[in-house]
Amino acid sequence: MAFKVIKENILKENSETAGKIREKMNAGGTFMINIISSPGAGKTSLLESIGPKLREMGIAFVILTGDCFTSRDAERMDALSLPVAQINTGNACHIDAQLVGKALEGEDIQALDLVIVENVGNLVCPAEFDIGEDEKIALLSTPEGHDKPEKYPLLISESSVAVINKIDLLDRLDFDIEYCERSVKKVNPGIKIMRVSCRTGEGVNDLVEWIMHKIKIKKEKNV
């Protein structure tokens, strides 16, 4: 019982901070996405694929990349001259709103079109914590197996888009993509599904177009 009370208090405090972040994002017409996946699904590779395209389109953005201890993902973004801030969580298995707030200190939110959060690799805890985002993206990958959507339903139900990454490996794996997509829709009938390969570039433009559309909608609401 005490554990339940403690958890409720943690989530309440987090939600209050997330609400303040959301107010700032709404005031600036800034769109914010939270990308969640298991370790190795390809979050960083996806950002390496979409980041340069967004920059070419004139989008002002910052990437907040989460890791327990290292800055390797941020270093990969920096190597592409993409604007990035590192969030280290220590032994925590997710990014919370307080960490996002600290990472955004000094950023001119009003000047940004987009904030991308690359959460810590985990399919459970990150889905529970609101960080002030507009949309969550669930990133799945073919090497993980096609049964993940129904095993981790909270993430799927909380997400607007499910990206199935590494489709270039389909002919080498026992991965039933149709089964996976049916499972995703079973959990969340309204979710958008995208098939992507960061290696070949297939499907990457679809995700970029979706982000651009969402940025446009957010800006129009702010006019």
Protein backbone atom coordinates (compact mmCIF):
# COMPACT_ATOMS: atom_id res chain seq x y z
CA MET A 1 0.00 0.00 0.00
CA ALA A 2 2.83 2.39 0.87
CA PHE A 3 4.45 1.62 -2.48
CA LYS A 4 1.25 2.61 -4.27
CA VAL A 5 1.10 5.93 -2.43
CA ILE A 6 4.75 6.70 -3.19
CA LYS A 7 4.26 5.87 -6.87
CA GLU A 8 1.15 8.05 -7.07
CA ASN A 9 3.03 10.97 -5.52
CA ILE A 10 5.94 10.55 -7.96
CA LEU A 11 3.60 10.45 -10.95
CA LYS A 12 1.64 13.46 -9.65
CA GLU A 13 4.78 15.57 -9.26
CA ASN A 14 5.97 14.48 -12.68
CA SER A 15 2.62 15.32 -14.28
CA GLU A 16 2.66 18.80 -12.77
CA THR A 17 6.10 19.47 -14.23
CA ALA A 18 5.03 17.98 -17.57
CA GLY A 19 2.07 20.34 -17.60
CA LYS A 20 4.35 23.35 -17.20
CA ILE A 21 6.58 22.11 -20.05
CA ARG A 22 3.51 21.60 -22.23
CA GLU A 23 2.35 25.15 -21.51
CA LYS A 24 5.70 26.49 -22.72
CA MET A 25 5.56 24.33 -25.85
CA ASN A 26 2.01 25.44 -26.60
CA ALA A 27 2.89 29.08 -26.08
CA GLY A 28 5.65 28.80 -28.66
CA GLY A 29 3.76 26.55 -31.04
CA THR A 30 6.55 24.01 -30.57
CA PHE A 31 5.79 20.37 -31.38
CA MET A 32 7.34 17.76 -29.10
CA ILE A 33 7.71 14.03 -29.69
CA ASN A 34 8.86 11.27 -27.34
CA ILE A 35 10.46 8.27 -29.07
CA ILE A 36 10.35 5.08 -26.99
CA SER A 37 11.78 1.67 -27.80
CA SER A 38 13.76 -1.20 -26.36
CA PRO A 39 17.57 -0.93 -26.44
CA GLY A 40 18.96 -1.52 -29.91
CA ALA A 41 15.72 -1.00 -31.81
CA GLY A 42 17.28 1.92 -33.68
CA LYS A 43 16.23 5.18 -32.04
CA THR A 44 19.56 6.85 -32.66
CA SER A 45 19.79 5.52 -36.22
CA LEU A 46 16.30 6.87 -36.85
CA LEU A 47 17.37 10.30 -35.61
CA GLU A 48 20.46 10.15 -37.83
CA SER A 49 18.08 9.53 -40.74
CA ILE A 50 15.43 12.16 -40.06
CA GLY A 51 17.59 14.88 -38.46
CA PRO A 52 19.41 16.03 -41.61
CA LYS A 53 16.14 15.97 -43.58
CA LEU A 54 14.41 18.18 -41.03
CA ARG A 55 17.36 20.57 -41.07
CA GLU A 56 17.24 20.76 -44.88
CA MET A 57 13.56 21.72 -44.60
CA GLY A 58 14.45 24.63 -42.34
CA ILE A 59 13.00 23.14 -39.16
CA ALA A 60 14.45 24.60 -35.96
CA PHE A 61 14.77 21.72 -33.52
CA VAL A 62 16.71 20.21 -30.66
CA ILE A 63 17.22 16.55 -29.80
CA LEU A 64 17.26 15.49 -26.16
CA THR A 65 18.93 12.12 -26.10
CA GLY A 66 18.62 9.91 -23.04
CA ASP A 67 21.10 7.36 -21.77
CA CYS A 68 21.86 5.90 -18.37
CA PHE A 69 25.55 6.81 -18.30
CA THR A 70 27.25 7.53 -21.65
CA SER A 71 27.00 10.35 -24.17
CA ARG A 72 27.53 8.12 -27.22
CA ASP A 73 24.15 8.84 -28.79
CA ALA A 74 24.64 12.59 -28.39
CA GLU A 75 28.09 12.26 -29.93
CA ARG A 76 26.53 10.62 -32.99
CA MET A 77 24.10 13.54 -33.31
CA ASP A 78 26.90 16.04 -32.85
CA ALA A 79 28.93 14.33 -35.59
CA LEU A 80 26.10 15.24 -37.97
CA SER A 81 26.03 18.81 -36.62
CA LEU A 82 22.54 18.22 -35.24
CA PRO A 83 21.52 20.29 -32.18
CA VAL A 84 21.55 17.95 -29.21
CA ALA A 85 21.51 17.91 -25.43
CA GLN A 86 22.44 14.83 -23.41
CA ILE A 87 20.28 13.56 -20.55
CA ASN A 88 21.90 10.99 -18.26
CA THR A 89 19.53 9.19 -15.92
CA GLY A 90 22.04 7.15 -13.93
CA ASN A 91 20.30 3.93 -12.93
CA ALA A 92 16.83 5.31 -13.69
CA CYS A 93 15.06 3.43 -16.48
CA HIS A 94 13.27 6.40 -18.03
CA ILE A 95 13.38 10.14 -18.64
CA ASP A 96 10.98 12.13 -16.48
CA ALA A 97 9.61 15.63 -16.89
CA GLN A 98 12.09 17.14 -14.42
CA LEU A 99 15.02 15.93 -16.52
CA VAL A 100 13.44 17.32 -19.68
CA GLY A 101 12.87 20.64 -17.98
CA LYS A 102 16.52 20.84 -16.95
CA ALA A 103 17.70 19.87 -20.43
CA LEU A 104 15.61 22.66 -21.94
CA GLU A 105 16.97 25.34 -19.63
CA GLY A 106 18.65 27.97 -21.75
CA GLU A 107 16.79 26.90 -24.90
CA ASP A 108 14.69 29.54 -26.62
CA ILE A 109 11.51 27.48 -26.87
CA GLN A 110 9.79 30.24 -28.83
CA ALA A 111 12.39 29.87 -31.57
CA LEU A 112 11.98 26.10 -31.89
CA ASP A 113 9.59 24.27 -34.19
CA LEU A 114 10.32 20.86 -32.75
CA VAL A 115 11.72 19.07 -29.70
CA ILE A 116 12.61 15.39 -30.10
CA VAL A 117 13.18 13.27 -27.01
CA GLU A 118 15.04 10.00 -27.46
CA ASN A 119 14.02 8.16 -24.31
CA VAL A 120 16.03 5.54 -22.47
CA GLY A 121 15.78 2.08 -24.03
CA ASN A 122 12.84 0.52 -22.21
CA LEU A 123 9.33 -0.53 -23.27
CA VAL A 124 7.72 -0.21 -19.83
CA CYS A 125 8.61 2.74 -17.57
CA PRO A 126 8.97 5.51 -20.19
CA ALA A 127 5.39 4.93 -21.33
CA GLU A 128 4.12 5.76 -17.83
CA PHE A 129 5.78 9.15 -17.54
CA ASP A 130 4.33 12.21 -19.24
CA ILE A 131 7.18 14.56 -20.18
CA GLY A 132 5.10 17.29 -21.79
CA GLU A 133 5.17 15.78 -25.27
CA ASP A 134 2.46 16.14 -27.88
CA GLU A 135 2.89 12.63 -29.29
CA LYS A 136 4.66 9.40 -28.42
CA ILE A 137 6.26 7.25 -31.11
CA ALA A 138 6.66 3.55 -30.38
CA LEU A 139 9.66 2.18 -32.22
CA LEU A 140 9.66 -1.57 -32.75
CA SER A 141 12.25 -3.57 -34.70
CA THR A 142 12.17 -6.84 -36.56
CA PRO A 143 14.94 -8.59 -34.53
CA GLU A 144 12.84 -8.17 -31.37
CA GLY A 145 10.09 -10.49 -32.56
CA HIS A 146 6.55 -9.83 -33.71
CA ASP A 147 4.86 -10.42 -30.32
CA LYS A 148 5.95 -7.21 -28.59
CA PRO A 149 2.81 -5.05 -29.14
CA GLU A 150 0.55 -7.23 -27.02
CA LYS A 151 3.31 -7.91 -24.45
CA TYR A 152 3.84 -4.17 -23.91
CA PRO A 153 0.37 -2.71 -24.58
CA LEU A 154 0.73 0.51 -22.58
CA LEU A 155 3.34 1.93 -24.95
CA ILE A 156 1.26 1.05 -28.00
CA SER A 157 -1.94 2.45 -26.50
CA GLU A 158 -0.17 5.70 -25.55
CA SER A 159 1.49 6.21 -28.94
CA SER A 160 0.24 7.94 -32.07
CA VAL A 161 2.67 6.16 -34.39
CA ALA A 162 4.23 2.70 -34.35
CA VAL A 163 7.39 2.54 -36.44
CA ILE A 164 8.55 -0.96 -37.37
CA ASN A 165 12.27 -0.55 -38.04
CA LYS A 166 14.87 -2.77 -39.73
CA ILE A 167 12.48 -4.09 -42.37
CA ASP A 168 15.54 -4.72 -44.56
CA LEU A 169 16.11 -7.78 -42.35
CA LEU A 170 12.69 -9.34 -42.96
CA ASP A 171 14.01 -11.97 -45.35
CA ARG A 172 16.56 -13.08 -42.75
CA LEU A 173 14.32 -13.28 -39.69
CA ASP A 174 11.30 -15.21 -38.54
CA PHE A 175 9.32 -12.00 -38.14
CA ASP A 176 5.67 -11.92 -39.21
CA ILE A 177 5.13 -8.26 -39.97
CA GLU A 178 1.44 -8.67 -40.75
CA TYR A 179 0.92 -10.37 -37.37
CA CYS A 180 2.82 -7.55 -35.66
CA GLU A 181 0.72 -4.90 -37.37
CA ARG A 182 -2.51 -6.70 -36.48
CA SER A 183 -1.35 -6.83 -32.86
CA VAL A 184 -0.58 -3.10 -32.89
CA LYS A 185 -4.05 -2.33 -34.25
CA LYS A 186 -5.66 -4.69 -31.75
CA VAL A 187 -4.16 -2.69 -28.90
CA ASN A 188 -4.66 0.73 -30.51
CA PRO A 189 -7.01 0.79 -33.54
CA GLY A 190 -6.29 4.46 -34.25
CA ILE A 191 -2.51 4.24 -34.35
CA LYS A 192 -0.55 4.95 -37.52
CA ILE A 193 1.91 2.25 -38.58
CA MET A 194 5.05 2.92 -40.61
CA ARG A 195 7.53 0.41 -42.00
CA VAL A 196 11.06 1.81 -41.96
CA SER A 197 14.63 0.84 -42.71
CA CYS A 198 17.22 3.31 -41.49
CA ARG A 199 19.83 1.35 -43.42
CA THR A 200 18.15 1.69 -46.84
CA GLY A 201 16.09 4.81 -46.12
CA GLU A 202 12.81 3.10 -46.95
CA GLY A 203 9.90 4.74 -45.14
CA VAL A 204 12.01 7.48 -43.54
CA ASN A 205 10.40 10.20 -45.65
CA ASP A 206 6.96 9.07 -44.49
CA LEU A 207 7.92 9.75 -40.89
CA VAL A 208 9.47 13.11 -41.80
CA GLU A 209 6.27 14.09 -43.63
CA TRP A 210 4.19 13.10 -40.60
CA ILE A 211 6.38 15.24 -38.34
CA MET A 212 6.19 18.18 -40.74
CA HIS A 213 2.40 17.88 -40.85
CA LYS A 214 2.18 17.85 -37.06
CA ILE A 215 4.48 20.89 -36.79
CA LYS A 216 2.23 22.74 -39.26
CA ILE A 217 -0.89 21.90 -37.27
CA LYS A 218 0.73 23.02 -34.01
CA LYS A 219 1.84 26.31 -35.54
CA GLU A 220 -1.61 26.98 -36.97
CA LYS A 221 -3.19 26.45 -33.55
CA ASN A 222 -0.78 29.01 -32.13
CA VAL A 223 -1.65 31.74 -34.63
